[in-house]
């Protein structure tokens, strides 16, 4: 094979490798699979949380979002839970520790593994039949990282404009922090080890 043919093939191969390397480092698997992964999200702060105080933010006016993915990843000093959303607007949230996981609407107490329970309420949510977006399909619960701070995460069920989920943590009152990211919309909950 002549060098005139080898050079374009080599350039194309290098470009493919470079584009593959530029992919998101947030998850280490197929987009449709939702599992515990070792991950980083360059847009989110990678500081270890130090506060256990409830965190909240307001959704944008007219937000209609559906949770499409839930994943858990390990970082230096903390585990990260990512709720990925699709739809219109920006999410709001209320995240804090609760004594037990009580489901909105039914009042049923849900089993959540772990010594502590963080309730995650994502405001600006809508039922999938209102958004036309396929909701998160499991697994339910989403497993945490082995020997990490997050033991498991329950599915995000919608009731009156709020998607409610629970994060089981390995010991009660671990510090946590909440961040919103965009493109796609995400609510990120970091729990200290």
N, C-alpha and C. Protein backbone atom coordinates (compact mmCIF):
# COMPACT_ATOMS: atom_id res chain seq x y z
N UNK A 1 0.85 -1.17 0.00
CA UNK A 1 0.00 0.00 0.00
C UNK A 1 0.89 1.24 0.00
N UNK A 2 0.59 2.22 -0.81
CA UNK A 2 1.42 3.41 -0.91
C UNK A 2 1.16 4.35 0.26
N UNK A 3 2.14 5.24 0.51
CA UNK A 3 1.98 6.20 1.61
C UNK A 3 0.84 7.17 1.34
N UNK A 4 0.49 7.37 0.08
CA UNK A 4 -0.64 8.25 -0.25
C UNK A 4 -1.95 7.67 0.26
N UNK A 5 -2.05 6.36 0.36
CA UNK A 5 -3.26 5.72 0.87
C UNK A 5 -3.19 5.53 2.39
N UNK A 6 -2.02 5.27 2.92
CA UNK A 6 -1.86 5.02 4.35
C UNK A 6 -2.13 6.29 5.15
N UNK A 7 -1.64 7.45 4.71
CA UNK A 7 -1.79 8.69 5.45
C UNK A 7 -3.25 9.04 5.70
N UNK A 8 -4.16 9.04 4.69
CA UNK A 8 -5.56 9.35 4.98
C UNK A 8 -6.21 8.35 5.94
N UNK A 9 -5.87 7.07 5.84
CA UNK A 9 -6.42 6.06 6.74
C UNK A 9 -5.93 6.32 8.16
N UNK A 10 -4.65 6.65 8.32
CA UNK A 10 -4.10 6.93 9.65
C UNK A 10 -4.75 8.17 10.25
N UNK A 11 -4.97 9.21 9.45
CA UNK A 11 -5.60 10.44 9.93
C UNK A 11 -7.03 10.14 10.37
N UNK A 12 -7.77 9.37 9.57
CA UNK A 12 -9.14 9.01 9.91
C UNK A 12 -9.18 8.19 11.21
N UNK A 13 -8.28 7.24 11.37
CA UNK A 13 -8.23 6.42 12.59
C UNK A 13 -7.92 7.30 13.80
N UNK A 14 -7.01 8.24 13.68
CA UNK A 14 -6.68 9.13 14.78
C UNK A 14 -7.88 10.01 15.14
N UNK A 15 -8.61 10.48 14.14
CA UNK A 15 -9.78 11.31 14.39
C UNK A 15 -10.86 10.53 15.14
N UNK A 16 -11.08 9.29 14.74
CA UNK A 16 -12.08 8.45 15.41
C UNK A 16 -11.68 8.23 16.87
N UNK A 17 -10.40 7.93 17.11
CA UNK A 17 -9.93 7.74 18.49
C UNK A 17 -10.08 9.02 19.30
N UNK A 18 -9.76 10.15 18.72
CA UNK A 18 -9.87 11.43 19.43
C UNK A 18 -11.32 11.73 19.78
N UNK A 19 -12.24 11.51 18.85
CA UNK A 19 -13.65 11.76 19.13
C UNK A 19 -14.18 10.81 20.18
N UNK A 20 -13.74 9.58 20.17
CA UNK A 20 -14.16 8.61 21.17
C UNK A 20 -13.66 9.05 22.54
N UNK A 21 -12.45 9.54 22.62
CA UNK A 21 -11.88 9.98 23.89
C UNK A 21 -12.57 11.23 24.41
N UNK A 22 -13.18 12.04 23.54
CA UNK A 22 -13.85 13.27 23.95
C UNK A 22 -15.24 13.01 24.49
N UNK A 23 -15.70 11.80 24.47
CA UNK A 23 -17.05 11.47 24.97
C UNK A 23 -17.15 11.79 26.44
N UNK A 24 -18.38 11.82 26.94
CA UNK A 24 -18.64 12.13 28.33
C UNK A 24 -17.97 11.11 29.24
N UNK A 25 -17.41 11.59 30.33
CA UNK A 25 -16.84 10.70 31.33
C UNK A 25 -17.83 10.49 32.46
N UNK A 26 -19.06 10.96 32.29
CA UNK A 26 -20.02 10.87 33.37
C UNK A 26 -20.55 9.47 33.58
N UNK A 27 -20.59 8.64 32.57
CA UNK A 27 -21.03 7.28 32.76
C UNK A 27 -20.16 6.34 31.99
N UNK A 28 -20.04 5.14 32.47
CA UNK A 28 -19.14 4.17 31.86
C UNK A 28 -19.91 3.00 31.32
N UNK A 29 -20.86 3.26 30.47
CA UNK A 29 -21.65 2.18 29.90
C UNK A 29 -22.59 2.73 28.88
N UNK A 30 -23.41 1.86 28.30
CA UNK A 30 -24.36 2.31 27.31
C UNK A 30 -25.33 3.32 27.92
N UNK A 31 -25.82 4.24 27.11
CA UNK A 31 -26.72 5.27 27.58
C UNK A 31 -27.98 4.66 28.18
N UNK A 32 -28.49 3.57 27.60
CA UNK A 32 -29.72 2.98 28.08
C UNK A 32 -29.53 2.23 29.39
N UNK A 33 -28.32 1.81 29.71
CA UNK A 33 -28.08 1.06 30.94
C UNK A 33 -27.94 2.03 32.09
N UNK A 34 -28.55 1.71 33.20
CA UNK A 34 -28.45 2.55 34.37
C UNK A 34 -27.90 1.70 35.50
N UNK A 35 -26.65 1.94 35.84
CA UNK A 35 -25.98 1.14 36.86
C UNK A 35 -25.08 2.03 37.67
N UNK A 36 -24.49 1.46 38.70
CA UNK A 36 -23.47 2.17 39.44
C UNK A 36 -22.22 2.22 38.59
N UNK A 37 -21.61 3.41 38.50
CA UNK A 37 -20.42 3.55 37.68
C UNK A 37 -19.42 4.45 38.39
N UNK A 38 -18.17 4.29 38.05
CA UNK A 38 -17.16 5.24 38.49
C UNK A 38 -17.23 6.37 37.48
N UNK A 39 -17.47 7.59 37.96
CA UNK A 39 -17.74 8.65 37.01
C UNK A 39 -17.21 9.99 37.49
N UNK A 40 -17.14 10.91 36.54
CA UNK A 40 -16.88 12.30 36.85
C UNK A 40 -17.80 13.14 35.99
N UNK A 41 -18.19 14.28 36.48
CA UNK A 41 -18.99 15.23 35.71
C UNK A 41 -18.24 16.54 35.75
N UNK A 42 -17.51 16.87 34.68
CA UNK A 42 -16.63 18.02 34.72
C UNK A 42 -17.36 19.33 35.02
N UNK A 43 -18.67 19.41 34.73
CA UNK A 43 -19.40 20.65 34.97
C UNK A 43 -19.73 20.84 36.44
N UNK A 44 -19.76 19.76 37.23
CA UNK A 44 -20.14 19.84 38.63
C UNK A 44 -18.91 20.03 39.50
N UNK A 45 -19.12 20.68 40.64
CA UNK A 45 -18.02 20.87 41.57
C UNK A 45 -17.61 19.51 42.12
N UNK A 46 -16.32 19.28 42.27
CA UNK A 46 -15.84 18.02 42.81
C UNK A 46 -15.36 18.18 44.25
N UNK A 47 -15.99 19.10 44.99
CA UNK A 47 -15.65 19.31 46.37
C UNK A 47 -16.42 18.33 47.24
N UNK A 48 -15.80 17.86 48.29
CA UNK A 48 -16.45 16.94 49.22
C UNK A 48 -17.46 17.75 50.05
N UNK A 49 -18.74 17.31 50.07
CA UNK A 49 -19.76 18.03 50.85
C UNK A 49 -19.41 18.05 52.34
N UNK A 50 -19.81 19.15 53.03
CA UNK A 50 -19.52 19.29 54.45
C UNK A 50 -20.76 19.65 55.27
N UNK A 51 -21.93 19.73 54.64
CA UNK A 51 -23.13 20.22 55.31
C UNK A 51 -24.25 19.18 55.24
N UNK A 52 -25.05 19.09 56.30
CA UNK A 52 -26.19 18.18 56.32
C UNK A 52 -27.52 18.93 56.28
N UNK A 53 -27.46 20.25 56.08
CA UNK A 53 -28.66 21.08 56.05
C UNK A 53 -29.46 20.84 54.77
N UNK A 54 -30.80 20.86 54.89
CA UNK A 54 -31.67 20.70 53.72
C UNK A 54 -31.29 21.71 52.65
N UNK A 55 -31.35 21.27 51.39
CA UNK A 55 -31.01 22.12 50.25
C UNK A 55 -32.24 22.27 49.36
N UNK A 56 -32.46 23.47 48.82
CA UNK A 56 -33.60 23.67 47.93
C UNK A 56 -33.30 24.73 46.88
N UNK A 57 -34.04 24.63 45.79
CA UNK A 57 -33.97 25.61 44.70
C UNK A 57 -35.33 25.58 44.00
N UNK A 58 -35.67 26.66 43.32
CA UNK A 58 -36.96 26.79 42.65
C UNK A 58 -36.85 26.41 41.18
N UNK A 59 -37.84 25.67 40.69
CA UNK A 59 -37.90 25.30 39.27
C UNK A 59 -38.25 26.54 38.45
N UNK A 60 -37.88 26.53 37.18
CA UNK A 60 -38.24 27.63 36.30
C UNK A 60 -39.75 27.60 36.05
N UNK A 61 -40.32 28.76 35.74
CA UNK A 61 -41.76 28.85 35.47
C UNK A 61 -42.12 27.95 34.29
N UNK A 62 -43.17 27.18 34.44
CA UNK A 62 -43.64 26.32 33.36
C UNK A 62 -42.82 25.07 33.12
N UNK A 63 -41.91 24.73 34.05
CA UNK A 63 -41.09 23.53 33.87
C UNK A 63 -41.97 22.30 33.81
N UNK A 64 -41.69 21.41 32.85
CA UNK A 64 -42.39 20.13 32.70
C UNK A 64 -41.32 19.10 32.33
N UNK A 65 -40.77 18.44 33.34
CA UNK A 65 -39.64 17.54 33.14
C UNK A 65 -39.98 16.12 33.58
N UNK A 66 -39.33 15.16 32.93
CA UNK A 66 -39.46 13.75 33.28
C UNK A 66 -38.08 13.20 33.57
N UNK A 67 -37.95 12.44 34.66
CA UNK A 67 -36.68 11.78 34.98
C UNK A 67 -36.50 10.63 33.98
N UNK A 68 -35.39 10.67 33.23
CA UNK A 68 -35.13 9.64 32.21
C UNK A 68 -34.01 8.68 32.61
N UNK A 69 -33.21 9.04 33.62
CA UNK A 69 -32.11 8.19 34.03
C UNK A 69 -31.72 8.53 35.46
N UNK A 70 -31.30 7.51 36.20
CA UNK A 70 -30.75 7.69 37.54
C UNK A 70 -29.48 6.84 37.59
N UNK A 71 -28.37 7.45 37.99
CA UNK A 71 -27.12 6.69 38.07
C UNK A 71 -26.30 7.14 39.28
N UNK A 72 -25.45 6.25 39.72
CA UNK A 72 -24.62 6.48 40.90
C UNK A 72 -23.17 6.27 40.52
N UNK A 73 -22.28 7.16 40.97
CA UNK A 73 -20.86 7.02 40.69
C UNK A 73 -20.03 7.37 41.90
N UNK A 74 -18.82 6.84 41.94
CA UNK A 74 -17.90 7.08 43.06
C UNK A 74 -16.87 8.14 42.65
N UNK A 75 -16.58 9.05 43.56
CA UNK A 75 -15.57 10.08 43.38
C UNK A 75 -14.67 10.08 44.61
N UNK A 76 -13.57 10.80 44.54
CA UNK A 76 -12.70 10.93 45.71
C UNK A 76 -13.45 11.69 46.80
N UNK A 77 -13.79 11.01 47.88
CA UNK A 77 -14.42 11.65 49.03
C UNK A 77 -15.93 11.64 49.04
N UNK A 78 -16.58 11.29 47.94
CA UNK A 78 -18.05 11.30 47.91
C UNK A 78 -18.58 10.39 46.79
N UNK A 79 -19.86 10.03 46.93
CA UNK A 79 -20.59 9.34 45.87
C UNK A 79 -21.54 10.34 45.24
N UNK A 80 -21.77 10.20 43.93
CA UNK A 80 -22.63 11.12 43.20
C UNK A 80 -23.84 10.38 42.66
N UNK A 81 -25.04 10.93 42.92
CA UNK A 81 -26.29 10.45 42.35
C UNK A 81 -26.74 11.48 41.32
N UNK A 82 -26.98 11.01 40.09
CA UNK A 82 -27.39 11.92 39.01
C UNK A 82 -28.80 11.54 38.56
N UNK A 83 -29.70 12.51 38.61
CA UNK A 83 -31.05 12.37 38.06
C UNK A 83 -31.04 13.15 36.74
N UNK A 84 -31.10 12.42 35.62
CA UNK A 84 -31.13 13.08 34.32
C UNK A 84 -32.58 13.31 33.92
N UNK A 85 -32.85 14.49 33.35
CA UNK A 85 -34.22 14.88 33.01
C UNK A 85 -34.32 15.31 31.55
N UNK A 86 -35.53 15.21 31.03
CA UNK A 86 -35.80 15.70 29.68
C UNK A 86 -37.15 16.41 29.73
N UNK A 87 -37.32 17.41 28.88
CA UNK A 87 -38.57 18.16 28.85
C UNK A 87 -38.29 19.64 28.76
N UNK A 88 -39.19 20.42 29.32
CA UNK A 88 -39.10 21.88 29.23
C UNK A 88 -38.73 22.48 30.58
N UNK A 89 -37.85 23.49 30.55
CA UNK A 89 -37.51 24.23 31.75
C UNK A 89 -36.37 23.66 32.55
N UNK A 90 -36.17 24.25 33.73
CA UNK A 90 -35.10 23.85 34.64
C UNK A 90 -35.71 23.33 35.93
N UNK A 91 -35.12 22.27 36.50
CA UNK A 91 -35.69 21.70 37.72
C UNK A 91 -35.38 22.51 38.96
N UNK A 92 -36.24 22.37 39.94
CA UNK A 92 -35.97 22.83 41.28
C UNK A 92 -35.83 21.59 42.14
N UNK A 93 -35.51 21.76 43.42
CA UNK A 93 -35.37 20.59 44.28
C UNK A 93 -35.50 20.96 45.74
N UNK A 94 -35.79 19.95 46.53
CA UNK A 94 -35.72 19.98 47.99
C UNK A 94 -35.11 18.64 48.38
N UNK A 95 -33.95 18.69 49.01
CA UNK A 95 -33.24 17.47 49.40
C UNK A 95 -32.88 17.59 50.88
N UNK A 96 -33.24 16.56 51.65
CA UNK A 96 -32.91 16.56 53.06
C UNK A 96 -33.15 15.19 53.68
N UNK A 97 -32.63 15.02 54.88
CA UNK A 97 -32.80 13.76 55.59
C UNK A 97 -34.21 13.63 56.15
N UNK A 98 -34.74 12.40 56.11
CA UNK A 98 -36.05 12.09 56.70
C UNK A 98 -35.89 10.84 57.57
N UNK A 99 -36.82 10.68 58.52
CA UNK A 99 -36.77 9.51 59.41
C UNK A 99 -37.15 8.23 58.68
N UNK A 100 -38.09 8.34 57.73
CA UNK A 100 -38.49 7.18 56.94
C UNK A 100 -38.95 7.64 55.56
N UNK A 101 -38.93 6.73 54.61
CA UNK A 101 -39.29 7.04 53.22
C UNK A 101 -40.80 6.89 53.05
N UNK A 102 -41.52 8.01 53.14
CA UNK A 102 -42.98 8.01 53.00
C UNK A 102 -43.34 8.51 51.61
N UNK A 103 -44.01 7.68 50.83
CA UNK A 103 -44.37 8.00 49.45
C UNK A 103 -45.48 9.05 49.41
N UNK A 104 -45.26 10.10 48.59
CA UNK A 104 -46.28 11.11 48.39
C UNK A 104 -47.54 10.47 47.80
N UNK A 105 -48.68 11.01 48.16
CA UNK A 105 -49.94 10.51 47.60
C UNK A 105 -50.50 9.35 48.39
N UNK A 106 -49.75 8.26 48.50
CA UNK A 106 -50.26 7.05 49.17
C UNK A 106 -49.98 7.05 50.67
N UNK A 107 -48.92 7.73 51.10
CA UNK A 107 -48.52 7.70 52.50
C UNK A 107 -47.85 6.39 52.90
N UNK A 108 -47.60 5.54 51.91
CA UNK A 108 -46.98 4.24 52.17
C UNK A 108 -45.50 4.43 52.52
N UNK A 109 -45.04 3.67 53.52
CA UNK A 109 -43.62 3.69 53.90
C UNK A 109 -42.89 2.72 52.97
N UNK A 110 -41.88 3.22 52.26
CA UNK A 110 -41.12 2.42 51.31
C UNK A 110 -39.87 1.86 51.97
N UNK A 111 -39.52 0.63 51.65
CA UNK A 111 -38.26 0.09 52.19
C UNK A 111 -37.07 0.69 51.44
N UNK A 112 -36.12 1.23 52.18
CA UNK A 112 -34.90 1.80 51.60
C UNK A 112 -33.73 1.27 52.41
N UNK A 113 -32.79 0.59 51.75
CA UNK A 113 -31.62 0.06 52.43
C UNK A 113 -30.68 1.17 52.84
N UNK A 114 -30.05 1.02 53.99
CA UNK A 114 -29.09 1.99 54.48
C UNK A 114 -29.44 2.42 55.89
N UNK A 115 -28.52 3.10 56.54
CA UNK A 115 -28.73 3.57 57.90
C UNK A 115 -29.37 4.95 57.95
N UNK A 116 -29.36 5.67 56.84
CA UNK A 116 -29.98 6.98 56.74
C UNK A 116 -30.71 7.11 55.42
N UNK A 117 -31.68 8.05 55.36
CA UNK A 117 -32.47 8.23 54.14
C UNK A 117 -32.52 9.70 53.77
N UNK A 118 -32.04 10.00 52.56
CA UNK A 118 -32.18 11.34 51.99
C UNK A 118 -33.39 11.34 51.08
N UNK A 119 -34.31 12.28 51.28
CA UNK A 119 -35.44 12.43 50.37
C UNK A 119 -35.05 13.46 49.30
N UNK A 120 -35.24 13.08 48.03
CA UNK A 120 -34.96 13.97 46.90
C UNK A 120 -36.29 14.28 46.23
N UNK A 121 -36.66 15.55 46.21
CA UNK A 121 -37.90 15.98 45.58
C UNK A 121 -37.53 16.94 44.44
N UNK A 122 -37.81 16.54 43.20
CA UNK A 122 -37.46 17.35 42.04
C UNK A 122 -38.71 18.08 41.56
N UNK A 123 -38.73 19.40 41.79
CA UNK A 123 -39.85 20.25 41.39
C UNK A 123 -39.79 20.54 39.90
N UNK A 124 -40.95 20.85 39.32
CA UNK A 124 -41.02 21.11 37.89
C UNK A 124 -41.17 19.82 37.09
N UNK A 125 -41.53 18.74 37.79
CA UNK A 125 -41.70 17.45 37.13
C UNK A 125 -43.13 17.32 36.60
N UNK A 126 -43.28 16.45 35.62
CA UNK A 126 -44.60 16.19 35.04
C UNK A 126 -44.69 14.71 34.70
N UNK A 127 -45.92 14.23 34.60
CA UNK A 127 -46.13 12.84 34.22
C UNK A 127 -45.64 12.62 32.79
N UNK A 128 -45.10 11.44 32.50
CA UNK A 128 -44.63 11.16 31.14
C UNK A 128 -45.70 11.34 30.07
N UNK A 129 -46.96 11.07 30.40
CA UNK A 129 -48.01 11.27 29.39
C UNK A 129 -48.26 12.75 29.12
N UNK A 130 -47.82 13.64 30.02
CA UNK A 130 -47.91 15.09 29.77
C UNK A 130 -46.70 15.62 29.00
N UNK A 131 -45.55 14.99 29.17
CA UNK A 131 -44.34 15.46 28.49
C UNK A 131 -44.07 14.71 27.19
N UNK A 132 -44.63 13.50 27.06
CA UNK A 132 -44.36 12.68 25.88
C UNK A 132 -42.97 12.07 25.91
N UNK A 133 -42.35 12.03 27.07
CA UNK A 133 -40.97 11.53 27.21
C UNK A 133 -40.99 10.22 27.98
N UNK A 134 -40.20 9.25 27.49
CA UNK A 134 -40.09 7.96 28.16
C UNK A 134 -39.43 8.15 29.52
N UNK A 135 -40.08 7.67 30.59
CA UNK A 135 -39.49 7.83 31.92
C UNK A 135 -38.41 6.79 32.18
N UNK A 136 -37.68 6.99 33.25
CA UNK A 136 -36.67 6.05 33.74
C UNK A 136 -37.32 4.67 33.88
N UNK A 137 -36.62 3.65 33.38
CA UNK A 137 -37.19 2.30 33.35
C UNK A 137 -36.47 1.32 34.27
N UNK A 138 -35.64 1.78 35.16
CA UNK A 138 -35.00 0.87 36.11
C UNK A 138 -33.55 0.66 35.79
N UNK A 139 -32.88 -0.05 36.66
CA UNK A 139 -33.40 -0.94 37.70
C UNK A 139 -33.97 -0.15 38.88
N UNK A 140 -34.82 -0.81 39.64
CA UNK A 140 -35.41 -0.20 40.81
C UNK A 140 -35.28 -1.17 41.98
N UNK A 141 -34.54 -0.82 43.00
CA UNK A 141 -33.77 0.40 43.15
C UNK A 141 -32.47 0.35 42.36
N UNK A 142 -31.89 1.53 42.16
CA UNK A 142 -30.58 1.63 41.53
C UNK A 142 -29.54 1.31 42.61
N UNK A 143 -28.66 0.35 42.36
CA UNK A 143 -27.68 0.01 43.40
C UNK A 143 -26.64 1.11 43.58
N UNK A 144 -26.17 1.24 44.80
CA UNK A 144 -25.10 2.19 45.07
C UNK A 144 -23.76 1.60 44.71
N UNK A 145 -22.72 2.31 45.10
CA UNK A 145 -21.35 1.86 44.85
C UNK A 145 -20.93 0.94 46.00
N UNK A 146 -20.33 -0.22 45.71
CA UNK A 146 -19.89 -1.11 46.80
C UNK A 146 -19.01 -0.38 47.81
N UNK A 147 -19.33 -0.54 49.07
CA UNK A 147 -18.60 0.09 50.18
C UNK A 147 -18.59 1.61 50.10
N UNK A 148 -19.59 2.20 49.43
CA UNK A 148 -19.67 3.64 49.31
C UNK A 148 -20.65 4.25 50.29
N UNK A 149 -20.86 5.54 50.16
CA UNK A 149 -21.81 6.26 51.01
C UNK A 149 -23.24 6.01 50.56
N UNK A 150 -23.47 5.84 49.25
CA UNK A 150 -24.82 5.60 48.71
C UNK A 150 -25.03 4.10 48.60
N UNK A 151 -26.05 3.60 49.30
CA UNK A 151 -26.38 2.18 49.29
C UNK A 151 -27.30 1.85 48.12
N UNK A 152 -28.36 2.67 47.93
CA UNK A 152 -29.29 2.48 46.82
C UNK A 152 -30.10 3.76 46.62
N UNK A 153 -30.76 3.83 45.45
CA UNK A 153 -31.61 4.97 45.11
C UNK A 153 -32.92 4.42 44.57
N UNK A 154 -34.04 4.91 45.12
CA UNK A 154 -35.35 4.46 44.63
C UNK A 154 -35.72 5.20 43.35
N UNK A 155 -36.66 4.62 42.63
CA UNK A 155 -37.20 5.24 41.42
C UNK A 155 -37.79 6.61 41.78
N UNK A 156 -37.90 7.50 40.79
CA UNK A 156 -38.46 8.83 41.00
C UNK A 156 -39.92 8.83 40.55
N UNK A 157 -40.84 8.75 41.51
CA UNK A 157 -42.28 8.71 41.20
C UNK A 157 -42.85 10.12 41.26
N UNK A 158 -43.71 10.45 40.31
CA UNK A 158 -44.26 11.80 40.20
C UNK A 158 -45.62 11.89 40.89
N UNK A 159 -45.80 12.97 41.66
CA UNK A 159 -47.08 13.28 42.29
C UNK A 159 -47.18 14.80 42.41
N UNK A 160 -48.21 15.37 41.80
CA UNK A 160 -48.49 16.81 41.86
C UNK A 160 -47.27 17.68 41.54
N UNK A 161 -46.62 17.40 40.43
CA UNK A 161 -45.52 18.23 39.95
C UNK A 161 -44.18 18.00 40.60
N UNK A 162 -44.06 16.93 41.40
CA UNK A 162 -42.81 16.64 42.09
C UNK A 162 -42.43 15.18 41.85
N UNK A 163 -41.20 14.95 41.40
CA UNK A 163 -40.67 13.59 41.31
C UNK A 163 -39.97 13.32 42.63
N UNK A 164 -40.41 12.27 43.33
CA UNK A 164 -39.88 11.96 44.65
C UNK A 164 -39.04 10.69 44.58
N UNK A 165 -37.86 10.74 45.18
CA UNK A 165 -36.95 9.60 45.22
C UNK A 165 -36.28 9.59 46.59
N UNK A 166 -35.76 8.44 46.97
CA UNK A 166 -35.05 8.33 48.24
C UNK A 166 -33.67 7.72 48.01
N UNK A 167 -32.68 8.27 48.70
CA UNK A 167 -31.32 7.77 48.62
C UNK A 167 -30.99 7.14 49.98
N UNK A 168 -30.74 5.84 49.98
CA UNK A 168 -30.30 5.17 51.19
C UNK A 168 -28.80 5.36 51.34
N UNK A 169 -28.36 5.87 52.50
CA UNK A 169 -26.94 6.12 52.73
C UNK A 169 -26.43 5.17 53.81
N UNK A 170 -25.12 4.93 53.79
CA UNK A 170 -24.51 3.91 54.66
C UNK A 170 -24.54 4.26 56.13
N UNK A 171 -24.57 5.54 56.46
CA UNK A 171 -24.74 5.94 57.85
C UNK A 171 -25.52 7.25 57.86
N UNK A 172 -26.30 7.46 58.91
CA UNK A 172 -27.17 8.63 58.97
C UNK A 172 -26.42 9.94 58.97
N UNK A 173 -27.05 10.94 58.42
CA UNK A 173 -26.55 12.32 58.43
C UNK A 173 -25.18 12.53 57.81
N UNK A 174 -24.91 11.85 56.70
CA UNK A 174 -23.68 12.13 55.95
C UNK A 174 -23.86 13.49 55.26
N UNK A 175 -22.82 14.33 55.22
CA UNK A 175 -22.93 15.60 54.50
C UNK A 175 -23.26 15.37 53.02
N UNK A 176 -24.03 16.32 52.45
CA UNK A 176 -24.41 16.21 51.04
C UNK A 176 -24.48 17.61 50.43
N UNK A 177 -24.45 17.63 49.11
CA UNK A 177 -24.58 18.88 48.36
C UNK A 177 -25.40 18.59 47.11
N UNK A 178 -26.14 19.60 46.63
CA UNK A 178 -27.01 19.44 45.47
C UNK A 178 -26.65 20.51 44.44
N UNK A 179 -26.60 20.09 43.18
CA UNK A 179 -26.25 20.98 42.07
C UNK A 179 -27.18 20.68 40.91
N UNK A 180 -27.49 21.71 40.12
CA UNK A 180 -28.23 21.51 38.87
C UNK A 180 -27.27 21.72 37.71
N UNK A 181 -27.37 20.85 36.71
CA UNK A 181 -26.57 20.97 35.49
C UNK A 181 -27.51 21.03 34.30
N UNK A 182 -27.01 21.49 33.17
CA UNK A 182 -27.86 21.59 31.98
C UNK A 182 -27.21 20.89 30.79
N UNK A 183 -28.02 20.70 29.75
CA UNK A 183 -27.60 20.08 28.48
C UNK A 183 -27.01 18.69 28.65
N UNK A 184 -27.73 17.71 29.10
CA UNK A 184 -29.14 17.72 29.47
C UNK A 184 -29.34 18.17 30.92
N UNK A 185 -30.60 18.48 31.25
CA UNK A 185 -30.92 18.89 32.62
C UNK A 185 -30.64 17.75 33.58
N UNK A 186 -29.98 18.06 34.69
CA UNK A 186 -29.67 17.06 35.71
C UNK A 186 -29.73 17.69 37.09
N UNK A 187 -30.18 16.90 38.04
CA UNK A 187 -30.05 17.25 39.45
C UNK A 187 -29.03 16.27 40.01
N UNK A 188 -27.96 16.82 40.62
CA UNK A 188 -26.84 16.01 41.10
C UNK A 188 -26.79 16.11 42.63
N UNK A 189 -26.78 14.96 43.29
CA UNK A 189 -26.68 14.90 44.74
C UNK A 189 -25.38 14.19 45.10
N UNK A 190 -24.47 14.91 45.75
CA UNK A 190 -23.19 14.34 46.19
C UNK A 190 -23.29 14.03 47.68
N UNK A 191 -22.90 12.81 48.07
CA UNK A 191 -22.96 12.38 49.47
C UNK A 191 -21.54 12.01 49.91
N UNK A 192 -21.06 12.65 50.98
CA UNK A 192 -19.69 12.42 51.46
C UNK A 192 -19.51 11.01 51.98
N UNK A 193 -18.30 10.46 51.77
CA UNK A 193 -17.97 9.12 52.29
C UNK A 193 -17.85 9.15 53.80
